[in-house]
C-alpha atoms as a PDB file:
ATOM      1  CA  MET A   1       0.110   0.097  -0.045  1.00  0.00           C
ATOM      2  CA  PRO A   2       1.260   3.374  -0.854  1.00  0.00           C
ATOM      3  CA  ILE A   3       2.002   6.149   1.654  1.00  0.00           C
ATOM      4  CA  TYR A   4       0.480   9.513   1.062  1.00  0.00           C
ATOM      5  CA  GLU A   5       1.568  12.927   2.837  1.00  0.00           C
ATOM      6  CA  TYR A   6      -1.304  15.441   3.815  1.00  0.00           C
ATOM      7  CA  GLU A   7      -0.973  18.993   5.326  1.00  0.00           C
ATOM      8  CA  CYS A   8      -3.572  20.564   7.446  1.00  0.00           C
ATOM      9  CA  GLY A   9      -5.002  23.718   6.305  1.00  0.00           C
ATOM     10  CA  HIS A  10      -5.399  25.106   9.799  1.00  0.00           C
ATOM     11  CA  CYS A  11      -2.411  23.928  11.819  1.00  0.00           C
ATOM     12  CA  ASN A  12      -0.166  23.164   8.877  1.00  0.00           C
ATOM     13  CA  HIS A  13       0.648  19.837  10.481  1.00  0.00           C
ATOM     14  CA  ARG A  14       2.022  17.186   8.105  1.00  0.00           C
ATOM     15  CA  PHE A  15       1.337  13.641   8.610  1.00  0.00           C
ATOM     16  CA  GLU A  16       1.561  10.459   6.321  1.00  0.00           C
ATOM     17  CA  VAL A  17      -1.307   7.885   5.996  1.00  0.00           C
ATOM     18  CA  LYS A  18      -0.806   4.418   4.578  1.00  0.00           C
ATOM     19  CA  GLN A  19      -3.939   4.021   2.162  1.00  0.00           C
ATOM     20  CA  GLY A  20      -4.986   1.873  -0.810  1.00  0.00           C
ATOM     21  CA  PHE A  21      -5.223   3.137  -4.350  1.00  0.00           C
ATOM     22  CA  ASN A  22      -9.142   2.891  -4.159  1.00  0.00           C
ATOM     23  CA  GLU A  23      -9.797   4.269  -0.539  1.00  0.00           C
ATOM     24  CA  GLU A  24     -10.761   7.944  -0.418  1.00  0.00           C
ATOM     25  CA  PRO A  25      -8.418  10.595   0.640  1.00  0.00           C
ATOM     26  CA  GLN A  26      -8.104  11.253   4.346  1.00  0.00           C
ATOM     27  CA  ALA A  27      -9.267  14.883   4.784  1.00  0.00           C
ATOM     28  CA  VAL A  28      -9.147  15.280   8.825  1.00  0.00           C
ATOM     29  CA  CYS A  29      -6.067  16.540  10.590  1.00  0.00           C
ATOM     30  CA  PRO A  30      -5.338  14.138  13.562  1.00  0.00           C
ATOM     31  CA  GLN A  31      -4.027  16.986  15.840  1.00  0.00           C
ATOM     32  CA  CYS A  32      -7.071  19.666  15.424  1.00  0.00           C
ATOM     33  CA  GLN A  33      -9.369  17.773  13.414  1.00  0.00           C
ATOM     34  CA  GLY A  34      -9.240  20.508  10.784  1.00  0.00           C
ATOM     35  CA  LYS A  35      -9.371  19.880   6.730  1.00  0.00           C
ATOM     36  CA  ALA A  36      -6.198  18.428   5.597  1.00  0.00           C
ATOM     37  CA  ARG A  37      -5.112  18.245   1.689  1.00  0.00           C
ATOM     38  CA  ARG A  38      -2.819  15.874  -0.080  1.00  0.00           C
ATOM     39  CA  VAL A  39       0.788  16.703  -0.686  1.00  0.00           C
ATOM     40  CA  PHE A  40       2.186  16.199  -4.259  1.00  0.00           C
ATOM     41  CA  TYR A  41       5.728  16.228  -5.145  1.00  0.00           C
ATOM     42  CA  PRO A  42       7.263  16.601  -8.437  1.00  0.00           C
ATOM     43  CA  ALA A  43       8.671  13.395 -10.294  1.00  0.00           C
ATOM     44  CA  PRO A  44      12.422  13.588 -11.007  1.00  0.00           C
ATOM     45  CA  VAL A  45      13.432  13.433 -14.555  1.00  0.00           C
ATOM     46  CA  ILE A  46      16.785  11.885 -15.521  1.00  0.00           C
ATOM     47  CA  PHE A  47      18.233  11.986 -19.000  1.00  0.00           C
ATOM     48  CA  LYS A  48      20.500   9.003 -19.994  1.00  0.00           C
ATOM     49  CA  GLY A  49      22.312   7.972 -23.242  1.00  0.00           C
ATOM     50  CA  SER A  50      23.496  10.097 -25.994  1.00  0.00           C
ATOM     51  CA  GLY A  51      21.597  12.767 -27.810  1.00  0.00           C
ATOM     52  CA  PHE A  52      21.508  15.381 -25.334  1.00  0.00           C
ATOM     53  CA  TYR A  53      24.727  17.426 -26.375  1.00  0.00           C
ATOM     54  CA  ILE A  54      24.825  20.172 -28.842  1.00  0.00           C
ATOM     55  CA  THR A  55      27.420  18.343 -30.735  1.00  0.00           C
ATOM     56  CA  ASP A  56      25.308  15.581 -31.513  1.00  0.00           C
ATOM     57  CA  SER A  57      22.781  17.505 -33.549  1.00  0.00           C
ATOM     58  CA  ARG A  58      25.157  19.575 -35.554  1.00  0.00           C
ATOM     59  CA  PRO A  59      25.485  19.047 -39.341  1.00  0.00           C
ATOM     60  CA  PRO A  60      28.966  17.488 -40.365  1.00  0.00           C
ATOM     61  CA  ARG A  61      31.892  19.722 -40.939  1.00  0.00           C
ATOM     62  CA  LYS A  62      32.660  20.664 -44.373  1.00  0.00           C
ATOM     63  CA  ASP A  63      36.485  20.588 -43.933  1.00  0.00           C
ATOM     64  CA  LYS A  64      36.466  16.919 -43.705  1.00  0.00           C
ATOM     65  CA  ALA A  65      38.261  14.667 -46.490  1.00  0.00           C
ATOM     66  CA  PRO A  66      35.734  13.584 -49.010  1.00  0.00           C
ATOM     67  CA  GLU A  67      35.042   9.746 -48.462  1.00  0.00           C
ATOM     68  CA  THR A  68      35.232   7.413 -51.399  1.00  0.00           C
ATOM     69  CA  SER A  69      32.869   4.644 -52.270  1.00  0.00           C
ATOM     70  CA  LYS A  70      33.731   0.938 -51.467  1.00  0.00           C
ATOM     71  CA  GLY A  71      36.254  -0.539 -53.897  1.00  0.00           C
ATOM     72  CA  GLU A  72      37.451   2.972 -55.247  1.00  0.00           C
ATOM     73  CA  SER A  73      40.575   4.414 -54.278  1.00  0.00           C
ATOM     74  CA  ALA A  74      41.681   8.197 -54.031  1.00  0.00           C
ATOM     75  CA  PRO A  75      43.687   9.111 -56.797  1.00  0.00           C
ATOM     76  CA  SER A  76      47.495   9.613 -56.091  1.00  0.00           C
ATOM     77  CA  LYS A  77      49.674  12.547 -56.398  1.00  0.00           C
ATOM     78  CA  SER A  78      51.311  11.123 -59.415  1.00  0.00           C
ATOM     79  CA  GLU A  79      47.858  10.534 -61.435  1.00  0.00           C
ATOM     80  CA  LYS A  80      46.637  14.032 -60.469  1.00  0.00           C
ATOM     81  CA  GLY A  81      49.394  15.798 -62.769  1.00  0.00           C
ATOM     82  CA  LYS A  82      48.490  13.910 -65.866  1.00  0.00           C
END
């Protein structure tokens, strides 16, 4: 069973109650019998893996040497002069 935290609107007392999912929320403070409300906390978000860096979305650099297709070789210096 989950444990829920409540806060009294009258005396600001915080208390925890173990309740089932299908039960009605408890709305009475055990100290002053005032109206209490359930306290909610934000869920933490954790980013894992690649894809969260600016370098992952940049276009490829233009000053890289062009790639040759499979089976072809780049022309040598001696062949360029012919």
